[in-house]
Amino acid sequence: MGNKKTNIFWLIAGIIITVIFFLPIIFSDYQKYVISFMGRSPYLAPFVIVIFRFIGVVLAPLPGAPISFASMTVLPWYEAWAWNFIGAESGAIVAFIIARKFREPVVAHFAPLGKIHQWQDKVSKRRQFWSFTGFRFVTLVAFDFVSYAAGLTRLPFRTFVVATFLVDIPTSLLFFYFGGLAVKYSIFILAVFGIMFMVAISILNHFQNRKEM
């Protein structure tokens, strides 16, 4: 019963975040209002993006994609990338440290242990740098869970950080660059771009799972 209530809570919280951050994407008037408000408060958008991306990684069930897409509609792509990157990578490092220092009793408050243990088994087989780097590449969508899972293994912290940056910097740059181009031409193209990106990641994860079977 407790797990059911927890799942419902995370579902509702995820829906609220998705709705709030998709408003600038769906409604052009709201987008103009946000951009105008940002002109009067230039530090607010970076703060909101960094905080929510950080929270979205540390509180693993919460979605991060709506924040990324919304930021591309109100900021130049390189600024959107920078603030999203800072928030997400900080969250990943904190998730790793929480898992490494406090273990399962504390991790259970931030992410479902069942899913974390599934990733933990996969990470445990990849303690070498390049092996873990390849694994990080095919688990881009689940990198918040992977961060906790890595912290529960004996994977060196330096290996985790370097591999994470090595994968996330080029992939996120490409994502925000092409996402920014999509926004420039139309919101519809941005939606198509987002769907194609998620499908590509899902295919990578599918092949990774088949490889491990």
C-alpha atoms as a PDB file:
ATOM      1  CA  MET A   1       0.000   0.000   0.000  1.00  0.00           C
ATOM      2  CA  GLY A   2       2.868   2.351   0.877  1.00  0.00           C
ATOM      3  CA  ASN A   3       4.591   1.752  -2.465  1.00  0.00           C
ATOM      4  CA  LYS A   4       1.347   2.445  -4.306  1.00  0.00           C
ATOM      5  CA  LYS A   5       0.920   5.789  -2.535  1.00  0.00           C
ATOM      6  CA  THR A   6       4.549   6.668  -3.243  1.00  0.00           C
ATOM      7  CA  ASN A   7       4.141   5.852  -6.937  1.00  0.00           C
ATOM      8  CA  ILE A   8       0.998   7.975  -7.119  1.00  0.00           C
ATOM      9  CA  PHE A   9       2.812  10.866  -5.436  1.00  0.00           C
ATOM     10  CA  TRP A  10       5.708  10.721  -7.927  1.00  0.00           C
ATOM     11  CA  LEU A  11       3.258  10.425 -10.817  1.00  0.00           C
ATOM     12  CA  ILE A  12       1.321  13.517  -9.733  1.00  0.00           C
ATOM     13  CA  ALA A  13       4.534  15.471  -9.087  1.00  0.00           C
ATOM     14  CA  GLY A  14       5.849  14.473 -12.528  1.00  0.00           C
ATOM     15  CA  ILE A  15       2.631  15.546 -14.230  1.00  0.00           C
ATOM     16  CA  ILE A  16       2.696  18.935 -12.480  1.00  0.00           C
ATOM     17  CA  ILE A  17       6.297  19.595 -13.531  1.00  0.00           C
ATOM     18  CA  THR A  18       5.567  18.477 -17.093  1.00  0.00           C
ATOM     19  CA  VAL A  19       2.508  20.735 -17.398  1.00  0.00           C
ATOM     20  CA  ILE A  20       4.272  23.790 -15.942  1.00  0.00           C
ATOM     21  CA  PHE A  21       7.349  23.494 -18.144  1.00  0.00           C
ATOM     22  CA  PHE A  22       5.444  22.574 -21.310  1.00  0.00           C
ATOM     23  CA  LEU A  23       3.332  25.746 -21.146  1.00  0.00           C
ATOM     24  CA  PRO A  24       5.965  27.902 -22.925  1.00  0.00           C
ATOM     25  CA  ILE A  25       6.220  25.231 -25.619  1.00  0.00           C
ATOM     26  CA  ILE A  26       2.499  24.924 -26.276  1.00  0.00           C
ATOM     27  CA  PHE A  27       1.292  28.504 -25.811  1.00  0.00           C
ATOM     28  CA  SER A  28       3.172  31.248 -27.647  1.00  0.00           C
ATOM     29  CA  ASP A  29       1.609  33.999 -25.492  1.00  0.00           C
ATOM     30  CA  TYR A  30       2.903  32.316 -22.341  1.00  0.00           C
ATOM     31  CA  GLN A  31       6.298  31.929 -23.989  1.00  0.00           C
ATOM     32  CA  LYS A  32       6.387  35.670 -24.730  1.00  0.00           C
ATOM     33  CA  TYR A  33       5.386  36.415 -21.143  1.00  0.00           C
ATOM     34  CA  VAL A  34       8.199  34.209 -19.787  1.00  0.00           C
ATOM     35  CA  ILE A  35      10.765  35.837 -22.092  1.00  0.00           C
ATOM     36  CA  SER A  36       9.556  39.312 -21.066  1.00  0.00           C
ATOM     37  CA  PHE A  37       9.715  38.375 -17.396  1.00  0.00           C
ATOM     38  CA  MET A  38      13.229  36.997 -17.875  1.00  0.00           C
ATOM     39  CA  GLY A  39      14.262  40.341 -19.357  1.00  0.00           C
ATOM     40  CA  ARG A  40      13.317  41.964 -16.049  1.00  0.00           C
ATOM     41  CA  SER A  41      14.829  39.151 -13.930  1.00  0.00           C
ATOM     42  CA  PRO A  42      17.811  37.796 -15.942  1.00  0.00           C
ATOM     43  CA  TYR A  43      19.081  35.515 -13.161  1.00  0.00           C
ATOM     44  CA  LEU A  44      15.757  33.797 -12.509  1.00  0.00           C
ATOM     45  CA  ALA A  45      15.741  31.444 -15.515  1.00  0.00           C
ATOM     46  CA  PRO A  46      19.252  30.048 -14.879  1.00  0.00           C
ATOM     47  CA  PHE A  47      18.387  29.557 -11.202  1.00  0.00           C
ATOM     48  CA  VAL A  48      15.113  27.759 -11.977  1.00  0.00           C
ATOM     49  CA  ILE A  49      16.690  25.529 -14.632  1.00  0.00           C
ATOM     50  CA  VAL A  50      19.676  24.530 -12.476  1.00  0.00           C
ATOM     51  CA  ILE A  51      17.543  23.857  -9.387  1.00  0.00           C
ATOM     52  CA  PHE A  52      14.853  21.855 -11.176  1.00  0.00           C
ATOM     53  CA  ARG A  53      17.344  19.825 -13.216  1.00  0.00           C
ATOM     54  CA  PHE A  54      19.278  19.121 -10.014  1.00  0.00           C
ATOM     55  CA  ILE A  55      16.119  18.068  -8.177  1.00  0.00           C
ATOM     56  CA  GLY A  56      14.989  15.988 -11.157  1.00  0.00           C
ATOM     57  CA  VAL A  57      18.156  13.900 -10.949  1.00  0.00           C
ATOM     58  CA  VAL A  58      18.392  13.590  -7.167  1.00  0.00           C
ATOM     59  CA  LEU A  59      14.674  12.790  -6.929  1.00  0.00           C
ATOM     60  CA  ALA A  60      15.018  10.240  -9.699  1.00  0.00           C
ATOM     61  CA  PRO A  61      11.334   9.584 -10.498  1.00  0.00           C
ATOM     62  CA  LEU A  62      10.803  13.229 -11.497  1.00  0.00           C
ATOM     63  CA  PRO A  63      11.126  14.020 -15.236  1.00  0.00           C
ATOM     64  CA  GLY A  64      13.887  16.276 -16.560  1.00  0.00           C
ATOM     65  CA  ALA A  65      12.985  16.406 -20.249  1.00  0.00           C
ATOM     66  CA  PRO A  66      10.231  19.063 -19.911  1.00  0.00           C
ATOM     67  CA  ILE A  67      12.731  21.445 -18.294  1.00  0.00           C
ATOM     68  CA  SER A  68      15.241  20.904 -21.094  1.00  0.00           C
ATOM     69  CA  PHE A  69      12.681  21.454 -23.845  1.00  0.00           C
ATOM     70  CA  ALA A  70      11.147  24.499 -22.146  1.00  0.00           C
ATOM     71  CA  SER A  71      14.544  26.131 -21.632  1.00  0.00           C
ATOM     72  CA  MET A  72      15.277  25.889 -25.366  1.00  0.00           C
ATOM     73  CA  THR A  73      12.140  27.900 -26.157  1.00  0.00           C
ATOM     74  CA  VAL A  74      13.099  30.865 -23.970  1.00  0.00           C
ATOM     75  CA  LEU A  75      16.919  30.896 -24.082  1.00  0.00           C
ATOM     76  CA  PRO A  76      19.625  30.635 -26.759  1.00  0.00           C
ATOM     77  CA  TRP A  77      20.559  26.981 -27.153  1.00  0.00           C
ATOM     78  CA  TYR A  78      24.030  27.393 -25.646  1.00  0.00           C
ATOM     79  CA  GLU A  79      22.660  29.062 -22.502  1.00  0.00           C
ATOM     80  CA  ALA A  80      19.976  26.416 -22.176  1.00  0.00           C
ATOM     81  CA  TRP A  81      22.668  23.740 -22.521  1.00  0.00           C
ATOM     82  CA  ALA A  82      24.955  25.333 -19.923  1.00  0.00           C
ATOM     83  CA  TRP A  83      22.336  25.678 -17.193  1.00  0.00           C
ATOM     84  CA  ASN A  84      20.819  22.244 -17.842  1.00  0.00           C
ATOM     85  CA  PHE A  85      24.277  20.681 -17.831  1.00  0.00           C
ATOM     86  CA  ILE A  86      25.265  22.300 -14.532  1.00  0.00           C
ATOM     87  CA  GLY A  87      22.035  21.217 -12.837  1.00  0.00           C
ATOM     88  CA  ALA A  88      21.994  17.666 -14.186  1.00  0.00           C
ATOM     89  CA  GLU A  89      25.663  16.889 -13.616  1.00  0.00           C
ATOM     90  CA  SER A  90      25.578  18.344 -10.098  1.00  0.00           C
ATOM     91  CA  GLY A  91      22.567  16.153  -9.373  1.00  0.00           C
ATOM     92  CA  ALA A  92      24.320  13.063 -10.740  1.00  0.00           C
ATOM     93  CA  ILE A  93      27.393  13.662  -8.571  1.00  0.00           C
ATOM     94  CA  VAL A  94      25.260  14.244  -5.465  1.00  0.00           C
ATOM     95  CA  ALA A  95      23.244  11.080  -6.211  1.00  0.00           C
ATOM     96  CA  PHE A  96      26.464   9.068  -6.477  1.00  0.00           C
ATOM     97  CA  ILE A  97      27.781  10.504  -3.181  1.00  0.00           C
ATOM     98  CA  ILE A  98      24.478   9.861  -1.369  1.00  0.00           C
ATOM     99  CA  ALA A  99      24.511   6.228  -2.487  1.00  0.00           C
ATOM    100  CA  ARG A 100      28.209   5.745  -1.719  1.00  0.00           C
ATOM    101  CA  LYS A 101      28.052   7.285   1.750  1.00  0.00           C
ATOM    102  CA  PHE A 102      24.565   6.463   3.059  1.00  0.00           C
ATOM    103  CA  ARG A 103      23.677   3.321   1.059  1.00  0.00           C
ATOM    104  CA  GLU A 104      20.198   1.812   0.546  1.00  0.00           C
ATOM    105  CA  PRO A 105      18.356   3.173   3.631  1.00  0.00           C
ATOM    106  CA  VAL A 106      18.803   6.755   2.404  1.00  0.00           C
ATOM    107  CA  VAL A 107      18.698   6.025  -1.345  1.00  0.00           C
ATOM    108  CA  ALA A 108      15.226   4.534  -0.834  1.00  0.00           C
ATOM    109  CA  HIS A 109      13.946   8.028   0.008  1.00  0.00           C
ATOM    110  CA  PHE A 110      15.079   9.397  -3.367  1.00  0.00           C
ATOM    111  CA  ALA A 111      14.539   6.537  -5.846  1.00  0.00           C
ATOM    112  CA  PRO A 112      12.839   3.111  -6.026  1.00  0.00           C
ATOM    113  CA  LEU A 113      15.321   0.541  -4.727  1.00  0.00           C
ATOM    114  CA  GLY A 114      14.053  -2.209  -7.019  1.00  0.00           C
ATOM    115  CA  LYS A 115      15.014  -0.243 -10.114  1.00  0.00           C
ATOM    116  CA  ILE A 116      18.278   0.918  -8.546  1.00  0.00           C
ATOM    117  CA  HIS A 117      19.311  -2.672  -7.784  1.00  0.00           C
ATOM    118  CA  GLN A 118      18.587  -3.680 -11.390  1.00  0.00           C
ATOM    119  CA  TRP A 119      20.994  -1.014 -12.626  1.00  0.00           C
ATOM    120  CA  GLN A 120      23.439  -1.837  -9.834  1.00  0.00           C
ATOM    121  CA  ASP A 121      23.846  -5.387 -11.141  1.00  0.00           C
ATOM    122  CA  LYS A 122      24.634  -4.019 -14.609  1.00  0.00           C
ATOM    123  CA  VAL A 123      27.066  -1.372 -13.373  1.00  0.00           C
ATOM    124  CA  SER A 124      28.926  -3.921 -11.227  1.00  0.00           C
ATOM    125  CA  LYS A 125      30.064  -5.712 -14.389  1.00  0.00           C
ATOM    126  CA  ARG A 126      31.657  -2.532 -15.769  1.00  0.00           C
ATOM    127  CA  ARG A 127      34.251  -1.283 -13.325  1.00  0.00           C
ATOM    128  CA  GLN A 128      36.773  -0.522 -16.064  1.00  0.00           C
ATOM    129  CA  PHE A 129      36.717   3.022 -17.414  1.00  0.00           C
ATOM    130  CA  TRP A 130      35.867   2.389 -21.069  1.00  0.00           C
ATOM    131  CA  SER A 131      33.402  -0.330 -20.221  1.00  0.00           C
ATOM    132  CA  PHE A 132      31.485   2.013 -17.926  1.00  0.00           C
ATOM    133  CA  THR A 133      31.767   4.850 -20.459  1.00  0.00           C
ATOM    134  CA  GLY A 134      30.085   2.709 -23.108  1.00  0.00           C
ATOM    135  CA  PHE A 135      27.429   1.704 -20.606  1.00  0.00           C
ATOM    136  CA  ARG A 136      26.744   5.361 -19.746  1.00  0.00           C
ATOM    137  CA  PHE A 137      26.264   6.159 -23.407  1.00  0.00           C
ATOM    138  CA  VAL A 138      23.466   3.615 -23.862  1.00  0.00           C
ATOM    139  CA  THR A 139      21.746   4.602 -20.598  1.00  0.00           C
ATOM    140  CA  LEU A 140      21.365   8.343 -21.233  1.00  0.00           C
ATOM    141  CA  VAL A 141      17.670   8.412 -20.359  1.00  0.00           C
ATOM    142  CA  ALA A 142      18.187   6.531 -17.070  1.00  0.00           C
ATOM    143  CA  PHE A 143      21.362   8.297 -15.986  1.00  0.00           C
ATOM    144  CA  ASP A 144      19.755   9.444 -12.707  1.00  0.00           C
ATOM    145  CA  PHE A 145      19.112   5.825 -11.669  1.00  0.00           C
ATOM    146  CA  VAL A 146      22.542   4.824 -12.960  1.00  0.00           C
ATOM    147  CA  SER A 147      24.152   7.501 -10.773  1.00  0.00           C
ATOM    148  CA  TYR A 148      22.630   5.992  -7.642  1.00  0.00           C
ATOM    149  CA  ALA A 149      23.428   2.463  -8.826  1.00  0.00           C
ATOM    150  CA  ALA A 150      27.065   3.373  -9.493  1.00  0.00           C
ATOM    151  CA  GLY A 151      27.371   4.792  -5.990  1.00  0.00           C
ATOM    152  CA  LEU A 152      26.272   1.457  -4.525  1.00  0.00           C
ATOM    153  CA  THR A 153      29.017  -0.416  -6.383  1.00  0.00           C
ATOM    154  CA  ARG A 154      32.805  -0.234  -6.053  1.00  0.00           C
ATOM    155  CA  LEU A 155      33.117   1.890  -9.172  1.00  0.00           C
ATOM    156  CA  PRO A 156      35.731   4.607  -8.449  1.00  0.00           C
ATOM    157  CA  PHE A 157      34.299   8.107  -8.082  1.00  0.00           C
ATOM    158  CA  ARG A 158      36.822   9.498 -10.575  1.00  0.00           C
ATOM    159  CA  THR A 159      35.817   6.903 -13.180  1.00  0.00           C
ATOM    160  CA  PHE A 160      32.166   7.795 -12.684  1.00  0.00           C
ATOM    161  CA  VAL A 161      32.731  11.551 -13.028  1.00  0.00           C
ATOM    162  CA  VAL A 162      35.104  11.438 -16.012  1.00  0.00           C
ATOM    163  CA  ALA A 163      32.984   8.889 -17.902  1.00  0.00           C
ATOM    164  CA  THR A 164      29.811  10.846 -17.180  1.00  0.00           C
ATOM    165  CA  PHE A 165      31.312  14.110 -18.442  1.00  0.00           C
ATOM    166  CA  LEU A 166      32.887  12.386 -21.447  1.00  0.00           C
ATOM    167  CA  VAL A 167      29.491  11.081 -22.530  1.00  0.00           C
ATOM    168  CA  ASP A 168      27.210  13.899 -21.425  1.00  0.00           C
ATOM    169  CA  ILE A 169      29.127  16.875 -22.838  1.00  0.00           C
ATOM    170  CA  PRO A 170      29.025  15.896 -26.541  1.00  0.00           C
ATOM    171  CA  THR A 171      25.576  14.263 -26.436  1.00  0.00           C
ATOM    172  CA  SER A 172      23.956  17.171 -24.593  1.00  0.00           C
ATOM    173  CA  LEU A 173      25.646  19.724 -26.875  1.00  0.00           C
ATOM    174  CA  LEU A 174      24.235  17.956 -29.923  1.00  0.00           C
ATOM    175  CA  PHE A 175      20.816  17.685 -28.274  1.00  0.00           C
ATOM    176  CA  PHE A 176      20.584  21.388 -27.448  1.00  0.00           C
ATOM    177  CA  TYR A 177      22.142  22.561 -30.715  1.00  0.00           C
ATOM    178  CA  PHE A 178      19.668  20.672 -32.893  1.00  0.00           C
ATOM    179  CA  GLY A 179      16.876  21.351 -30.413  1.00  0.00           C
ATOM    180  CA  GLY A 180      17.655  25.048 -30.710  1.00  0.00           C
ATOM    181  CA  LEU A 181      17.450  24.797 -34.508  1.00  0.00           C
ATOM    182  CA  ALA A 182      14.099  23.025 -34.167  1.00  0.00           C
ATOM    183  CA  VAL A 183      12.762  25.811 -31.930  1.00  0.00           C
ATOM    184  CA  LYS A 184      13.975  28.407 -34.429  1.00  0.00           C
ATOM    185  CA  TYR A 185      11.792  26.949 -37.159  1.00  0.00           C
ATOM    186  CA  SER A 186       8.715  25.760 -35.248  1.00  0.00           C
ATOM    187  CA  ILE A 187       7.428  24.153 -32.100  1.00  0.00           C
ATOM    188  CA  PHE A 188       6.106  21.255 -34.191  1.00  0.00           C
ATOM    189  CA  ILE A 189       9.624  20.467 -35.388  1.00  0.00           C
ATOM    190  CA  LEU A 190      10.817  20.624 -31.774  1.00  0.00           C
ATOM    191  CA  ALA A 191       8.196  18.034 -30.825  1.00  0.00           C
ATOM    192  CA  VAL A 192       9.263  15.775 -33.704  1.00  0.00           C
ATOM    193  CA  PHE A 193      12.904  16.227 -32.695  1.00  0.00           C
ATOM    194  CA  GLY A 194      12.090  15.270 -29.091  1.00  0.00           C
ATOM    195  CA  ILE A 195      10.216  12.143 -30.150  1.00  0.00           C
ATOM    196  CA  MET A 196      13.037  11.058 -32.471  1.00  0.00           C
ATOM    197  CA  PHE A 197      15.609  11.607 -29.705  1.00  0.00           C
ATOM    198  CA  MET A 198      13.642   9.516 -27.198  1.00  0.00           C
ATOM    199  CA  VAL A 199      13.094   6.734 -29.770  1.00  0.00           C
ATOM    200  CA  ALA A 200      16.818   6.650 -30.562  1.00  0.00           C
ATOM    201  CA  ILE A 201      17.700   6.329 -26.876  1.00  0.00           C
ATOM    202  CA  SER A 202      15.073   3.610 -26.408  1.00  0.00           C
ATOM    203  CA  ILE A 203      16.584   1.638 -29.289  1.00  0.00           C
ATOM    204  CA  LEU A 204      20.047   1.935 -27.738  1.00  0.00           C
ATOM    205  CA  ASN A 205      18.710   0.686 -24.409  1.00  0.00           C
ATOM    206  CA  HIS A 206      16.913  -2.190 -26.161  1.00  0.00           C
ATOM    207  CA  PHE A 207      20.105  -3.378 -27.834  1.00  0.00           C
ATOM    208  CA  GLN A 208      22.000  -2.998 -24.567  1.00  0.00           C
ATOM    209  CA  ASN A 209      19.446  -5.206 -22.775  1.00  0.00           C
ATOM    210  CA  ARG A 210      19.604  -7.831 -25.530  1.00  0.00           C
ATOM    211  CA  LYS A 211      23.381  -7.855 -25.327  1.00  0.00           C
ATOM    212  CA  GLU A 212      23.213  -8.618 -21.603  1.00  0.00           C
ATOM    213  CA  MET A 213      20.713 -11.486 -21.954  1.00  0.00           C
END
